[in-house]
Amino acid sequence: WKAVHVLNCVDGCIPSDMATGTTEELEEERRLLYVAM
């Protein structure tokens, strides 16, 4: 899209507080933010 707004770029949302238990989960959350950007 020409313009993208990403909501809730805070710890607890990105990364989700449900996905910080392992390094693998945390790395995927990083990739998720990258995809959004």
PDB file of all heavy atoms in Angstrom:
ATOM      1  N   TRP A   1       0.838  -1.194   0.000  1.00  0.00           N
ATOM      2  CA  TRP A   1       0.000   0.000   0.000  1.00  0.00           C
ATOM      3  C   TRP A   1       0.875   1.246   0.000  1.00  0.00           C
ATOM      4  O   TRP A   1       2.018   1.210   0.463  1.00  0.00           O
ATOM      5  CB  TRP A   1      -0.911   0.022   1.233  1.00  0.00           C
ATOM      6  CG  TRP A   1      -1.938  -1.059   1.236  1.00  0.00           C
ATOM      7  CD1 TRP A   1      -3.164  -1.055   0.637  1.00  0.00           C
ATOM      8  CD2 TRP A   1      -1.830  -2.339   1.897  1.00  0.00           C
ATOM      9  NE1 TRP A   1      -3.817  -2.235   0.876  1.00  0.00           N
ATOM     10  CE2 TRP A   1      -3.027  -3.045   1.637  1.00  0.00           C
ATOM     11  CE3 TRP A   1      -0.842  -2.949   2.671  1.00  0.00           C
ATOM     12  CZ2 TRP A   1      -3.261  -4.325   2.135  1.00  0.00           C
ATOM     13  CZ3 TRP A   1      -1.067  -4.227   3.160  1.00  0.00           C
ATOM     14  CH2 TRP A   1      -2.260  -4.902   2.890  1.00  0.00           C
ATOM     15  N   LYS A   2       0.320   2.328  -0.480  1.00  0.00           N
ATOM     16  CA  LYS A   2       1.045   3.597  -0.504  1.00  0.00           C
ATOM     17  C   LYS A   2       1.387   4.037   0.916  1.00  0.00           C
ATOM     18  O   LYS A   2       2.500   4.495   1.196  1.00  0.00           O
ATOM     19  CB  LYS A   2       0.203   4.664  -1.202  1.00  0.00           C
ATOM     20  CG  LYS A   2       0.867   6.025  -1.306  1.00  0.00           C
ATOM     21  CD  LYS A   2      -0.015   7.014  -2.054  1.00  0.00           C
ATOM     22  CE  LYS A   2       0.636   8.396  -2.122  1.00  0.00           C
ATOM     23  NZ  LYS A   2      -0.236   9.369  -2.831  1.00  0.00           N
ATOM     24  N   ALA A   3       0.423   3.922   1.827  1.00  0.00           N
ATOM     25  CA  ALA A   3       0.640   4.312   3.224  1.00  0.00           C
ATOM     26  C   ALA A   3       0.227   3.166   4.126  1.00  0.00           C
ATOM     27  O   ALA A   3      -0.829   2.562   3.931  1.00  0.00           O
ATOM     28  CB  ALA A   3      -0.162   5.567   3.563  1.00  0.00           C
ATOM     29  N   VAL A   4       1.054   2.869   5.123  1.00  0.00           N
ATOM     30  CA  VAL A   4       0.776   1.777   6.058  1.00  0.00           C
ATOM     31  C   VAL A   4       0.889   2.309   7.484  1.00  0.00           C
ATOM     32  O   VAL A   4       1.863   2.991   7.834  1.00  0.00           O
ATOM     33  CB  VAL A   4       1.767   0.603   5.860  1.00  0.00           C
ATOM     34  CG1 VAL A   4       1.627  -0.420   6.985  1.00  0.00           C
ATOM     35  CG2 VAL A   4       1.546  -0.057   4.504  1.00  0.00           C
ATOM     36  N   HIS A   5      -0.127   2.008   8.298  1.00  0.00           N
ATOM     37  CA  HIS A   5      -0.136   2.362   9.712  1.00  0.00           C
ATOM     38  C   HIS A   5      -0.128   1.055  10.511  1.00  0.00           C
ATOM     39  O   HIS A   5      -1.019   0.220  10.327  1.00  0.00           O
ATOM     40  CB  HIS A   5      -1.380   3.174  10.076  1.00  0.00           C
ATOM     41  CG  HIS A   5      -1.708   4.250   9.078  1.00  0.00           C
ATOM     42  ND1 HIS A   5      -1.022   5.441   9.025  1.00  0.00           N
ATOM     43  CD2 HIS A   5      -2.627   4.303   8.085  1.00  0.00           C
ATOM     44  CE1 HIS A   5      -1.522   6.193   8.046  1.00  0.00           C
ATOM     45  NE2 HIS A   5      -2.492   5.518   7.463  1.00  0.00           N
ATOM     46  N   VAL A   6       0.840   0.868  11.377  1.00  0.00           N
ATOM     47  CA  VAL A   6       0.940  -0.356  12.177  1.00  0.00           C
ATOM     48  C   VAL A   6       0.573  -0.022  13.624  1.00  0.00           C
ATOM     49  O   VAL A   6       1.228   0.805  14.258  1.00  0.00           O
ATOM     50  CB  VAL A   6       2.353  -0.967  12.112  1.00  0.00           C
ATOM     51  CG1 VAL A   6       2.375  -2.321  12.824  1.00  0.00           C
ATOM     52  CG2 VAL A   6       2.810  -1.122  10.660  1.00  0.00           C
ATOM     53  N   LEU A   7      -0.478  -0.660  14.131  1.00  0.00           N
ATOM     54  CA  LEU A   7      -0.966  -0.378  15.477  1.00  0.00           C
ATOM     55  C   LEU A   7      -0.140  -1.099  16.545  1.00  0.00           C
ATOM     56  O   LEU A   7       0.438  -2.158  16.301  1.00  0.00           O
ATOM     57  CB  LEU A   7      -2.429  -0.824  15.616  1.00  0.00           C
ATOM     58  CG  LEU A   7      -3.460  -0.227  14.661  1.00  0.00           C
ATOM     59  CD1 LEU A   7      -4.865  -0.733  15.025  1.00  0.00           C
ATOM     60  CD2 LEU A   7      -3.419   1.288  14.667  1.00  0.00           C
ATOM     61  N   ASN A   8      -0.118  -0.506  17.739  1.00  0.00           N
ATOM     62  CA  ASN A   8       0.393  -1.167  18.949  1.00  0.00           C
ATOM     63  C   ASN A   8       1.801  -1.743  18.791  1.00  0.00           C
ATOM     64  O   ASN A   8       2.041  -2.926  19.058  1.00  0.00           O
ATOM     65  CB  ASN A   8      -0.559  -2.284  19.384  1.00  0.00           C
ATOM     66  CG  ASN A   8      -1.896  -1.751  19.869  1.00  0.00           C
ATOM     67  OD1 ASN A   8      -2.045  -0.563  20.127  1.00  0.00           O
ATOM     68  ND2 ASN A   8      -2.870  -2.631  19.970  1.00  0.00           N
ATOM     69  N   CYS A   9       2.745  -0.902  18.368  1.00  0.00           N
ATOM     70  CA  CYS A   9       4.145  -1.349  18.245  1.00  0.00           C
ATOM     71  C   CYS A   9       4.826  -1.254  19.607  1.00  0.00           C
ATOM     72  O   CYS A   9       5.766  -0.476  19.816  1.00  0.00           O
ATOM     73  CB  CYS A   9       4.875  -0.509  17.201  1.00  0.00           C
ATOM     74  SG  CYS A   9       4.235  -0.750  15.538  1.00  0.00           S
ATOM     75  N   VAL A  10       4.298  -2.046  20.533  1.00  0.00           N
ATOM     76  CA  VAL A  10       4.781  -2.038  21.911  1.00  0.00           C
ATOM     77  C   VAL A  10       5.014  -3.474  22.360  1.00  0.00           C
ATOM     78  O   VAL A  10       4.424  -4.416  21.827  1.00  0.00           O
ATOM     79  CB  VAL A  10       3.766  -1.358  22.863  1.00  0.00           C
ATOM     80  CG1 VAL A  10       3.623   0.116  22.541  1.00  0.00           C
ATOM     81  CG2 VAL A  10       2.403  -2.058  22.793  1.00  0.00           C
ATOM     82  N   ASP A  11       5.877  -3.644  23.339  1.00  0.00           N
ATOM     83  CA  ASP A  11       6.082  -4.969  23.921  1.00  0.00           C
ATOM     84  C   ASP A  11       4.774  -5.446  24.547  1.00  0.00           C
ATOM     85  O   ASP A  11       4.110  -4.690  25.262  1.00  0.00           O
ATOM     86  CB  ASP A  11       7.181  -4.912  24.982  1.00  0.00           C
ATOM     87  CG  ASP A  11       8.502  -5.428  24.453  1.00  0.00           C
ATOM     88  OD1 ASP A  11       8.782  -5.209  23.246  1.00  0.00           O
ATOM     89  OD2 ASP A  11       9.234  -6.051  25.210  1.00  0.00           O
ATOM     90  N   GLY A  12       4.436  -6.678  24.270  1.00  0.00           N
ATOM     91  CA  GLY A  12       3.152  -7.215  24.701  1.00  0.00           C
ATOM     92  C   GLY A  12       2.211  -7.382  23.528  1.00  0.00           C
ATOM     93  O   GLY A  12       1.296  -8.200  23.561  1.00  0.00           O
ATOM     94  N   CYS A  13       2.431  -6.569  22.479  1.00  0.00           N
ATOM     95  CA  CYS A  13       1.665  -6.700  21.231  1.00  0.00           C
ATOM     96  C   CYS A  13       2.574  -7.151  20.091  1.00  0.00           C
ATOM     97  O   CYS A  13       2.270  -8.098  19.377  1.00  0.00           O
ATOM     98  CB  CYS A  13       0.975  -5.382  20.883  1.00  0.00           C
ATOM     99  SG  CYS A  13      -0.324  -4.927  22.046  1.00  0.00           S
ATOM    100  N   ILE A  14       3.677  -6.449  19.886  1.00  0.00           N
ATOM    101  CA  ILE A  14       4.722  -6.862  18.944  1.00  0.00           C
ATOM    102  C   ILE A  14       6.059  -6.715  19.667  1.00  0.00           C
ATOM    103  O   ILE A  14       6.579  -5.606  19.735  1.00  0.00           O
ATOM    104  CB  ILE A  14       4.726  -5.996  17.656  1.00  0.00           C
ATOM    105  CG1 ILE A  14       3.355  -5.993  16.989  1.00  0.00           C
ATOM    106  CG2 ILE A  14       5.772  -6.524  16.668  1.00  0.00           C
ATOM    107  CD1 ILE A  14       3.275  -5.103  15.752  1.00  0.00           C
ATOM    108  N   PRO A  15       6.624  -7.754  20.258  1.00  0.00           N
ATOM    109  CA  PRO A  15       6.134  -9.133  20.204  1.00  0.00           C
ATOM    110  C   PRO A  15       4.918  -9.349  21.098  1.00  0.00           C
ATOM    111  O   PRO A  15       4.752  -8.687  22.124  1.00  0.00           O
ATOM    112  CB  PRO A  15       7.331  -9.933  20.736  1.00  0.00           C
ATOM    113  CG  PRO A  15       7.991  -8.991  21.698  1.00  0.00           C
ATOM    114  CD  PRO A  15       7.854  -7.633  21.058  1.00  0.00           C
ATOM    115  N   SER A  16       4.094 -10.312  20.692  1.00  0.00           N
ATOM    116  CA  SER A  16       2.958 -10.703  21.512  1.00  0.00           C
ATOM    117  C   SER A  16       3.465 -11.291  22.820  1.00  0.00           C
ATOM    118  O   SER A  16       4.472 -12.003  22.848  1.00  0.00           O
ATOM    119  CB  SER A  16       2.119 -11.746  20.769  1.00  0.00           C
ATOM    120  OG  SER A  16       1.207 -12.365  21.640  1.00  0.00           O
ATOM    121  N   ASP A  17       2.763 -10.991  23.913  1.00  0.00           N
ATOM    122  CA  ASP A  17       3.188 -11.548  25.196  1.00  0.00           C
ATOM    123  C   ASP A  17       2.993 -13.062  25.251  1.00  0.00           C
ATOM    124  O   ASP A  17       3.473 -13.729  26.161  1.00  0.00           O
ATOM    125  CB  ASP A  17       2.459 -10.875  26.364  1.00  0.00           C
ATOM    126  CG  ASP A  17       0.946 -10.920  26.219  1.00  0.00           C
ATOM    127  OD1 ASP A  17       0.456 -11.576  25.283  1.00  0.00           O
ATOM    128  OD2 ASP A  17       0.248 -10.293  27.040  1.00  0.00           O
ATOM    129  N   MET A  18       2.287 -13.615  24.234  1.00  0.00           N
ATOM    130  CA  MET A  18       2.104 -15.064  24.154  1.00  0.00           C
ATOM    131  C   MET A  18       3.214 -15.731  23.352  1.00  0.00           C
ATOM    132  O   MET A  18       3.214 -16.946  23.181  1.00  0.00           O
ATOM    133  CB  MET A  18       0.750 -15.379  23.494  1.00  0.00           C
ATOM    134  CG  MET A  18      -0.442 -14.801  24.215  1.00  0.00           C
ATOM    135  SD  MET A  18      -0.708 -15.594  25.826  1.00  0.00           S
ATOM    136  CE  MET A  18      -1.256 -17.210  25.293  1.00  0.00           C
ATOM    137  N   ALA A  19       4.149 -14.942  22.808  1.00  0.00           N
ATOM    138  CA  ALA A  19       5.154 -15.507  21.905  1.00  0.00           C
ATOM    139  C   ALA A  19       6.567 -15.094  22.298  1.00  0.00           C
ATOM    140  O   ALA A  19       7.389 -14.779  21.448  1.00  0.00           O
ATOM    141  CB  ALA A  19       4.862 -15.072  20.471  1.00  0.00           C
ATOM    142  N   THR A  20       6.818 -15.061  23.598  1.00  0.00           N
ATOM    143  CA  THR A  20       8.165 -14.689  24.054  1.00  0.00           C
ATOM    144  C   THR A  20       8.798 -15.803  24.884  1.00  0.00           C
ATOM    145  O   THR A  20       9.785 -15.581  25.578  1.00  0.00           O
ATOM    146  CB  THR A  20       8.115 -13.390  24.895  1.00  0.00           C
ATOM    147  OG1 THR A  20       7.194 -13.578  25.979  1.00  0.00           O
ATOM    148  CG2 THR A  20       7.666 -12.211  24.055  1.00  0.00           C
ATOM    149  N   GLY A  21       8.226 -16.998  24.790  1.00  0.00           N
ATOM    150  CA  GLY A  21       8.721 -18.099  25.612  1.00  0.00           C
ATOM    151  C   GLY A  21      10.005 -18.717  25.112  1.00  0.00           C
ATOM    152  O   GLY A  21      10.788 -19.244  25.894  1.00  0.00           O
ATOM    153  N   THR A  22      10.239 -18.668  23.795  1.00  0.00           N
ATOM    154  CA  THR A  22      11.445 -19.269  23.229  1.00  0.00           C
ATOM    155  C   THR A  22      12.104 -18.294  22.268  1.00  0.00           C
ATOM    156  O   THR A  22      11.467 -17.351  21.774  1.00  0.00           O
ATOM    157  CB  THR A  22      11.118 -20.563  22.457  1.00  0.00           C
ATOM    158  OG1 THR A  22      10.327 -20.234  21.296  1.00  0.00           O
ATOM    159  CG2 THR A  22      10.345 -21.550  23.323  1.00  0.00           C
ATOM    160  N   THR A  23      13.366 -18.545  21.983  1.00  0.00           N
ATOM    161  CA  THR A  23      14.092 -17.712  21.016  1.00  0.00           C
ATOM    162  C   THR A  23      13.437 -17.794  19.650  1.00  0.00           C
ATOM    163  O   THR A  23      13.333 -16.781  18.939  1.00  0.00           O
ATOM    164  CB  THR A  23      15.558 -18.172  20.932  1.00  0.00           C
ATOM    165  OG1 THR A  23      16.148 -18.066  22.220  1.00  0.00           O
ATOM    166  CG2 THR A  23      16.339 -17.322  19.948  1.00  0.00           C
ATOM    167  N   GLU A  24      12.988 -18.988  19.258  1.00  0.00           N
ATOM    168  CA  GLU A  24      12.366 -19.161  17.940  1.00  0.00           C
ATOM    169  C   GLU A  24      11.104 -18.317  17.813  1.00  0.00           C
ATOM    170  O   GLU A  24      10.868 -17.678  16.782  1.00  0.00           O
ATOM    171  CB  GLU A  24      12.030 -20.646  17.709  1.00  0.00           C
ATOM    172  CG  GLU A  24      13.232 -21.551  17.507  1.00  0.00           C
ATOM    173  CD  GLU A  24      13.951 -21.868  18.812  1.00  0.00           C
ATOM    174  OE1 GLU A  24      13.359 -21.625  19.899  1.00  0.00           O
ATOM    175  OE2 GLU A  24      15.102 -22.342  18.761  1.00  0.00           O
ATOM    176  N   GLU A  25      10.279 -18.304  18.866  1.00  0.00           N
ATOM    177  CA  GLU A  25       9.050 -17.507  18.840  1.00  0.00           C
ATOM    178  C   GLU A  25       9.377 -16.020  18.738  1.00  0.00           C
ATOM    179  O   GLU A  25       8.739 -15.272  17.982  1.00  0.00           O
ATOM    180  CB  GLU A  25       8.223 -17.772  20.099  1.00  0.00           C
ATOM    181  CG  GLU A  25       7.577 -19.135  20.152  1.00  0.00           C
ATOM    182  CD  GLU A  25       6.846 -19.376  21.464  1.00  0.00           C
ATOM    183  OE1 GLU A  25       7.299 -18.863  22.517  1.00  0.00           O
ATOM    184  OE2 GLU A  25       5.828 -20.065  21.438  1.00  0.00           O
ATOM    185  N   LEU A  26      10.375 -15.590  19.509  1.00  0.00           N
ATOM    186  CA  LEU A  26      10.747 -14.179  19.511  1.00  0.00           C
ATOM    187  C   LEU A  26      11.288 -13.754  18.150  1.00  0.00           C
ATOM    188  O   LEU A  26      10.975 -12.657  17.655  1.00  0.00           O
ATOM    189  CB  LEU A  26      11.792 -13.933  20.599  1.00  0.00           C
ATOM    190  CG  LEU A  26      11.907 -12.512  21.152  1.00  0.00           C
ATOM    191  CD1 LEU A  26      10.562 -12.022  21.665  1.00  0.00           C
ATOM    192  CD2 LEU A  26      12.939 -12.483  22.265  1.00  0.00           C
ATOM    193  N   GLU A  27      12.062 -14.617  17.514  1.00  0.00           N
ATOM    194  CA  GLU A  27      12.602 -14.304  16.188  1.00  0.00           C
ATOM    195  C   GLU A  27      11.485 -14.185  15.162  1.00  0.00           C
ATOM    196  O   GLU A  27      11.542 -13.341  14.260  1.00  0.00           O
ATOM    197  CB  GLU A  27      13.612 -15.369  15.761  1.00  0.00           C
ATOM    198  CG  GLU A  27      14.947 -15.280  16.493  1.00  0.00           C
ATOM    199  CD  GLU A  27      15.628 -13.934  16.275  1.00  0.00           C
ATOM    200  OE1 GLU A  27      15.870 -13.557  15.110  1.00  0.00           O
ATOM    201  OE2 GLU A  27      15.914 -13.245  17.268  1.00  0.00           O
ATOM    202  N   GLU A  28      10.460 -15.021  15.284  1.00  0.00           N
ATOM    203  CA  GLU A  28       9.343 -14.911  14.341  1.00  0.00           C
ATOM    204  C   GLU A  28       8.582 -13.606  14.546  1.00  0.00           C
ATOM    205  O   GLU A  28       8.108 -12.992  13.584  1.00  0.00           O
ATOM    206  CB  GLU A  28       8.391 -16.102  14.476  1.00  0.00           C
ATOM    207  CG  GLU A  28       7.211 -16.014  13.513  1.00  0.00           C
ATOM    208  CD  GLU A  28       6.581 -17.352  13.195  1.00  0.00           C
ATOM    209  OE1 GLU A  28       7.300 -18.372  13.108  1.00  0.00           O
ATOM    210  OE2 GLU A  28       5.362 -17.371  13.004  1.00  0.00           O
ATOM    211  N   GLU A  29       8.456 -13.157  15.781  1.00  0.00           N
ATOM    212  CA  GLU A  29       7.793 -11.879  16.043  1.00  0.00           C
ATOM    213  C   GLU A  29       8.577 -10.722  15.410  1.00  0.00           C
ATOM    214  O   GLU A  29       7.994  -9.763  14.894  1.00  0.00           O
ATOM    215  CB  GLU A  29       7.651 -11.659  17.555  1.00  0.00           C
ATOM    216  CG  GLU A  29       6.707 -12.624  18.233  1.00  0.00           C
ATOM    217  CD  GLU A  29       5.257 -12.401  17.842  1.00  0.00           C
ATOM    218  OE1 GLU A  29       4.749 -11.283  18.004  1.00  0.00           O
ATOM    219  OE2 GLU A  29       4.623 -13.354  17.352  1.00  0.00           O
ATOM    220  N   ARG A  30       9.905 -10.814  15.428  1.00  0.00           N
ATOM    221  CA  ARG A  30      10.731  -9.788  14.770  1.00  0.00           C
ATOM    222  C   ARG A  30      10.432  -9.786  13.262  1.00  0.00           C
ATOM    223  O   ARG A  30      10.273  -8.731  12.655  1.00  0.00           O
ATOM    224  CB  ARG A  30      12.211 -10.078  15.005  1.00  0.00           C
ATOM    225  CG  ARG A  30      13.147  -8.958  14.495  1.00  0.00           C
ATOM    226  CD  ARG A  30      14.598  -9.406  14.411  1.00  0.00           C
ATOM    227  NE  ARG A  30      15.068 -10.070  15.621  1.00  0.00           N
ATOM    228  CZ  ARG A  30      15.492  -9.433  16.703  1.00  0.00           C
ATOM    229  NH1 ARG A  30      15.516  -8.115  16.729  1.00  0.00           N
ATOM    230  NH2 ARG A  30      15.901 -10.114  17.767  1.00  0.00           N
ATOM    231  N   ARG A  31      10.351 -10.985  12.682  1.00  0.00           N
ATOM    232  CA  ARG A  31      10.059 -11.077  11.243  1.00  0.00           C
ATOM    233  C   ARG A  31       8.664 -10.540  10.934  1.00  0.00           C
ATOM    234  O   ARG A  31       8.434  -9.961   9.873  1.00  0.00           O
ATOM    235  CB  ARG A  31      10.196 -12.537  10.787  1.00  0.00           C
ATOM    236  CG  ARG A  31      11.608 -13.092  10.905  1.00  0.00           C
ATOM    237  CD  ARG A  31      11.775 -14.401  10.176  1.00  0.00           C
ATOM    238  NE  ARG A  31      11.012 -15.500  10.724  1.00  0.00           N
ATOM    239  CZ  ARG A  31      11.465 -16.358  11.624  1.00  0.00           C
ATOM    240  NH1 ARG A  31      12.709 -16.237  12.115  1.00  0.00           N
ATOM    241  NH2 ARG A  31      10.711 -17.359  12.065  1.00  0.00           N
ATOM    242  N   LEU A  32       7.757 -10.704  11.877  1.00  0.00           N
ATOM    243  CA  LEU A  32       6.392 -10.206  11.677  1.00  0.00           C
ATOM    244  C   LEU A  32       6.381  -8.680  11.565  1.00  0.00           C
ATOM    245  O   LEU A  32       5.702  -8.109  10.696  1.00  0.00           O
ATOM    246  CB  LEU A  32       5.516 -10.672  12.845  1.00  0.00           C
ATOM    247  CG  LEU A  32       4.008 -10.705  12.634  1.00  0.00           C
ATOM    248  CD1 LEU A  32       3.627 -11.644  11.510  1.00  0.00           C
ATOM    249  CD2 LEU A  32       3.312 -11.127  13.922  1.00  0.00           C
ATOM    250  N   LEU A  33       7.128  -8.008  12.434  1.00  0.00           N
ATOM    251  CA  LEU A  33       7.231  -6.549  12.342  1.00  0.00           C
ATOM    252  C   LEU A  33       7.878  -6.151  11.016  1.00  0.00           C
ATOM    253  O   LEU A  33       7.437  -5.193  10.362  1.00  0.00           O
ATOM    254  CB  LEU A  33       8.041  -6.000  13.520  1.00  0.00           C
ATOM    255  CG  LEU A  33       8.281  -4.479  13.506  1.00  0.00           C
ATOM    256  CD1 LEU A  33       6.970  -3.707  13.506  1.00  0.00           C
ATOM    257  CD2 LEU A  33       9.153  -4.056  14.691  1.00  0.00           C
ATOM    258  N   TYR A  34       8.897  -6.882  10.608  1.00  0.00           N
ATOM    259  CA  TYR A  34       9.581  -6.602   9.333  1.00  0.00           C
ATOM    260  C   TYR A  34       8.608  -6.724   8.162  1.00  0.00           C
ATOM    261  O   TYR A  34       8.585  -5.876   7.257  1.00  0.00           O
ATOM    262  CB  TYR A  34      10.751  -7.570   9.176  1.00  0.00           C
ATOM    263  CG  TYR A  34      11.469  -7.502   7.850  1.00  0.00           C
ATOM    264  CD1 TYR A  34      12.376  -6.486   7.576  1.00  0.00           C
ATOM    265  CD2 TYR A  34      11.246  -8.466   6.866  1.00  0.00           C
ATOM    266  CE1 TYR A  34      13.047  -6.429   6.360  1.00  0.00           C
ATOM    267  CE2 TYR A  34      11.911  -8.418   5.649  1.00  0.00           C
ATOM    268  CZ  TYR A  34      12.807  -7.396   5.400  1.00  0.00           C
ATOM    269  OH  TYR A  34      13.468  -7.352   4.194  1.00  0.00           O
ATOM    270  N   VAL A  35       7.782  -7.760   8.169  1.00  0.00           N
ATOM    271  CA  VAL A  35       6.790  -7.934   7.101  1.00  0.00           C
ATOM    272  C   VAL A  35       5.836  -6.748   7.077  1.00  0.00           C
ATOM    273  O   VAL A  35       5.518  -6.211   6.011  1.00  0.00           O
ATOM    274  CB  VAL A  35       6.013  -9.259   7.294  1.00  0.00           C
ATOM    275  CG1 VAL A  35       4.762  -9.299   6.408  1.00  0.00           C
ATOM    276  CG2 VAL A  35       6.908 -10.449   6.976  1.00  0.00           C
ATOM    277  N   ALA A  36       5.373  -6.307   8.244  1.00  0.00           N
ATOM    278  CA  ALA A  36       4.457  -5.161   8.299  1.00  0.00           C
ATOM    279  C   ALA A  36       5.113  -3.913   7.714  1.00  0.00           C
ATOM    280  O   ALA A  36       4.507  -3.191   6.912  1.00  0.00           O
ATOM    281  CB  ALA A  36       4.030  -4.907   9.746  1.00  0.00           C
ATOM    282  N   MET A  37       6.355  -3.672   8.079  1.00  0.00           N
ATOM    283  CA  MET A  37       7.045  -2.458   7.632  1.00  0.00           C
ATOM    284  C   MET A  37       7.285  -2.468   6.125  1.00  0.00           C
ATOM    285  O   MET A  37       7.184  -1.429   5.461  1.00  0.00           O
ATOM    286  CB  MET A  37       8.371  -2.311   8.377  1.00  0.00           C
ATOM    287  CG  MET A  37       8.209  -2.048   9.866  1.00  0.00           C
ATOM    288  SD  MET A  37       9.780  -2.099  10.783  1.00  0.00           S
ATOM    289  CE  MET A  37      10.595  -0.620  10.141  1.00  0.00           C
TER     290      MET A  37
END
